Amino acid sequence: MFAKNIWWPLKGHFDDLHPEYEVMDWRGRSYFADYVFAPKLWKILIEIKGYGEHVANMDRTKYCNELNRETFLSGMGFHVISFAYDDVANRPDLCIYLLRIVLNRYESANTKVERVFFADNEILRYSLFLARPIRPIDVSHYFSIDHRTAVAHLKRLCQKGWLKPIIRGTGSRILYYEVTKQGLESGLI
């Protein structure tokens, strides 16, 4: 049900998603997680928990073991998240929303396009932090990138309408860039 109601509508593929994933617990016992999403650099362990087994029928020892297992798995590098079976069945939109928030923390560094949005966001934030128009040298120093790359980032933000170039004097050379109203309303900052 999770794969059908949550994962497929959110991702549209099952790449790097492993059902019934075997891991060891802190006692060395075999345990099968409902799902593990494990791209190259990180791992998310996903549990679907029914009320009966995980709440109503749980005694103190089972409760302690459940918490110890989750803590051990976190220590082993898994980000452990849980969904209620009832939500997976009856409120998949909520589960999709929550899972999207978790995945966004990890996936933003995976693709070149998303890195560009991160750079845009940081340049706009840095420009506001400076409280003055930003210069290519500011971007170059702050991000430890060369001058040409800094200018390319600033020009891209101008093309989006989020920065506007400021020309000083009689020449046509752009010395500064200023955040526009559209840049402030872009949702990046």
Protein backbone atom coordinates (compact mmCIF):
# COMPACT_ATOMS: atom_id res chain seq x y z
CA MET A 1 0.00 0.00 0.00
CA PHE A 2 2.89 2.40 0.79
CA ALA A 3 4.50 1.76 -2.60
CA LYS A 4 1.20 2.32 -4.43
CA ASN A 5 -0.30 5.18 -2.41
CA ILE A 6 2.79 7.12 -1.37
CA TRP A 7 6.04 6.27 -3.12
CA TRP A 8 4.88 5.93 -6.73
CA PRO A 9 2.80 9.15 -6.75
CA LEU A 10 5.71 11.04 -5.18
CA LYS A 11 8.70 9.61 -7.07
CA GLY A 12 7.29 7.83 -10.15
CA HIS A 13 9.94 5.09 -9.88
CA PHE A 14 11.29 2.56 -7.42
CA ASP A 15 15.01 3.22 -7.98
CA ASP A 16 17.01 2.64 -4.78
CA LEU A 17 13.88 1.65 -2.80
CA HIS A 18 14.26 -1.75 -1.13
CA PRO A 19 11.26 -3.49 0.48
CA GLU A 20 11.71 -5.91 3.39
CA TYR A 21 15.29 -4.75 3.87
CA GLU A 22 17.27 -6.89 6.30
CA VAL A 23 19.30 -5.12 8.97
CA MET A 24 20.71 -6.25 12.29
CA ASP A 25 19.54 -4.73 15.55
CA TRP A 26 21.76 -3.82 18.51
CA ARG A 27 21.52 -7.41 19.79
CA GLY A 28 22.76 -8.85 16.50
CA ARG A 29 19.29 -10.12 15.61
CA SER A 30 17.96 -9.97 12.09
CA TYR A 31 15.24 -7.41 11.54
CA PHE A 32 13.34 -6.62 8.33
CA ALA A 33 12.54 -2.96 7.78
CA ASP A 34 9.45 -2.25 5.69
CA TYR A 35 11.47 -0.14 3.22
CA VAL A 36 14.91 1.36 2.90
CA PHE A 37 15.61 4.11 0.40
CA ALA A 38 19.35 3.98 -0.15
CA PRO A 39 20.89 6.08 -2.90
CA LYS A 40 24.69 6.34 -2.86
CA LEU A 41 25.35 8.64 0.10
CA TRP A 42 22.51 8.21 2.61
CA LYS A 43 19.83 5.78 3.81
CA ILE A 44 16.27 6.35 4.94
CA LEU A 45 14.55 3.49 6.75
CA ILE A 46 10.77 3.69 6.41
CA GLU A 47 8.40 1.91 8.78
CA ILE A 48 4.65 1.53 8.40
CA LYS A 49 3.26 1.01 11.89
CA GLY A 50 -0.15 -0.41 12.66
CA TYR A 51 -1.89 0.71 15.83
CA GLY A 52 -2.45 -2.80 17.20
CA GLU A 53 1.09 -4.13 16.97
CA HIS A 54 2.92 -0.91 17.74
CA VAL A 55 0.64 0.65 20.37
CA ALA A 56 -2.27 -1.39 21.71
CA ASN A 57 -0.42 -4.71 22.05
CA MET A 58 2.91 -3.27 23.15
CA ASP A 59 4.24 -3.87 26.65
CA ARG A 60 7.08 -1.99 28.34
CA THR A 61 9.78 -4.37 27.10
CA LYS A 62 8.58 -4.19 23.47
CA TYR A 63 8.40 -0.42 23.77
CA CYS A 64 11.99 -0.22 25.04
CA ASN A 65 13.19 -2.59 22.31
CA GLU A 66 11.44 -0.50 19.64
CA LEU A 67 13.14 2.70 20.83
CA ASN A 68 16.54 0.97 21.20
CA ARG A 69 16.26 -0.45 17.67
CA GLU A 70 15.46 2.96 16.18
CA THR A 71 18.31 4.60 18.10
CA PHE A 72 20.74 1.86 17.02
CA LEU A 73 19.66 2.21 13.38
CA SER A 74 20.17 5.98 13.57
CA GLY A 75 23.66 5.31 14.92
CA MET A 76 24.28 2.96 11.99
CA GLY A 77 23.54 5.78 9.54
CA PHE A 78 19.85 5.28 8.84
CA HIS A 79 17.41 8.15 9.04
CA VAL A 80 14.41 6.35 10.54
CA ILE A 81 10.91 7.62 9.74
CA SER A 82 7.57 6.04 10.55
CA PHE A 83 4.09 6.34 9.09
CA ALA A 84 0.85 5.15 10.66
CA TYR A 85 -0.81 2.42 8.64
CA ASP A 86 -4.09 4.34 8.91
CA ASP A 87 -2.50 7.42 7.31
CA VAL A 88 -0.98 5.38 4.48
CA ALA A 89 -4.42 3.90 3.80
CA ASN A 90 -6.63 6.93 4.41
CA ARG A 91 -4.49 10.06 4.17
CA PRO A 92 -1.85 9.41 1.51
CA ASP A 93 -1.57 13.13 0.65
CA LEU A 94 -0.36 13.86 4.18
CA CYS A 95 2.22 11.05 3.95
CA ILE A 96 3.42 12.30 0.55
CA TYR A 97 3.80 15.81 1.97
CA LEU A 98 5.76 14.60 5.00
CA LEU A 99 7.97 12.26 2.96
CA ARG A 100 8.70 15.05 0.47
CA ILE A 101 9.93 17.24 3.33
CA VAL A 102 12.28 14.49 4.55
CA LEU A 103 13.59 13.66 1.07
CA ASN A 104 14.20 17.32 0.22
CA ARG A 105 16.78 17.51 3.01
CA TYR A 106 18.85 14.88 1.23
CA GLU A 107 18.06 15.12 -2.45
CA SER A 108 18.82 18.81 -2.95
CA ALA A 109 22.53 18.04 -3.22
CA ASN A 110 22.05 15.22 -5.74
CA THR A 111 21.37 17.01 -9.02
CA LYS A 112 23.04 19.85 -10.80
CA VAL A 113 19.76 21.70 -11.34
CA GLU A 114 18.93 21.64 -7.64
CA ARG A 115 22.43 22.89 -6.81
CA VAL A 116 21.78 25.88 -9.07
CA PHE A 117 18.65 26.71 -7.05
CA PHE A 118 20.70 26.37 -3.86
CA ALA A 119 23.31 28.78 -5.24
CA ASP A 120 20.57 31.23 -6.28
CA ASN A 121 19.09 31.08 -2.80
CA GLU A 122 22.43 31.63 -1.11
CA ILE A 123 23.41 34.53 -3.38
CA LEU A 124 20.11 36.27 -2.64
CA ARG A 125 20.50 35.63 1.09
CA TYR A 126 24.07 36.90 1.04
CA SER A 127 23.02 40.02 -0.87
CA LEU A 128 20.43 40.79 1.81
CA PHE A 129 22.99 40.10 4.53
CA LEU A 130 25.35 42.65 2.98
CA ALA A 131 22.53 45.25 3.03
CA ARG A 132 23.97 46.82 -0.09
CA PRO A 133 24.17 45.90 -3.76
CA ILE A 134 26.24 42.77 -4.29
CA ARG A 135 29.37 42.74 -6.44
CA PRO A 136 30.86 39.82 -8.38
CA ILE A 137 33.90 39.94 -6.08
CA ASP A 138 31.58 39.45 -3.08
CA VAL A 139 30.15 36.28 -4.62
CA SER A 140 33.60 35.12 -5.70
CA HIS A 141 35.07 35.45 -2.20
CA TYR A 142 32.03 34.16 -0.31
CA PHE A 143 31.67 30.97 -2.42
CA SER A 144 35.38 30.53 -3.22
CA ILE A 145 34.69 30.55 -6.95
CA ASP A 146 36.38 32.39 -9.80
CA HIS A 147 35.20 35.78 -11.05
CA ARG A 148 33.66 34.45 -14.28
CA THR A 149 31.56 31.89 -12.44
CA ALA A 150 30.37 34.55 -10.01
CA VAL A 151 29.36 36.83 -12.90
CA ALA A 152 27.54 33.91 -14.58
CA HIS A 153 25.52 33.28 -11.40
CA LEU A 154 24.64 36.97 -11.11
CA LYS A 155 23.64 37.20 -14.78
CA ARG A 156 21.41 34.12 -14.42
CA LEU A 157 19.66 35.79 -11.47
CA CYS A 158 19.19 38.92 -13.61
CA GLN A 159 17.65 36.83 -16.41
CA LYS A 160 15.18 35.44 -13.87
CA GLY A 161 14.37 38.99 -12.80
CA TRP A 162 15.59 38.43 -9.23
CA LEU A 163 18.54 40.82 -9.47
CA LYS A 164 18.96 43.98 -11.50
CA PRO A 165 22.30 45.28 -12.73
CA ILE A 166 23.47 48.70 -11.62
CA ILE A 167 25.71 50.62 -14.00
CA ARG A 168 27.86 53.36 -12.49
CA GLY A 169 29.17 56.29 -14.44
CA THR A 170 28.98 56.72 -18.20
CA GLY A 171 30.20 53.26 -19.18
CA SER A 172 28.23 50.12 -19.78
CA ARG A 173 30.13 48.06 -17.24
CA ILE A 174 28.02 46.48 -14.52
CA LEU A 175 29.60 46.91 -11.12
CA TYR A 176 26.78 45.95 -8.75
CA TYR A 177 23.58 43.94 -8.63
CA GLU A 178 20.54 44.77 -6.54
CA VAL A 179 17.78 42.40 -5.36
CA THR A 180 14.47 43.18 -7.07
CA LYS A 181 10.96 42.95 -5.66
CA GLN A 182 10.52 39.78 -7.73
CA GLY A 183 13.68 38.37 -6.12
CA LEU A 184 12.30 39.10 -2.67
CA GLU A 185 9.02 37.41 -3.60
CA SER A 186 10.67 34.42 -5.33
CA GLY A 187 10.20 32.21 -2.28
CA LEU A 188 13.94 31.50 -2.09
CA ILE A 189 14.57 33.88 0.78
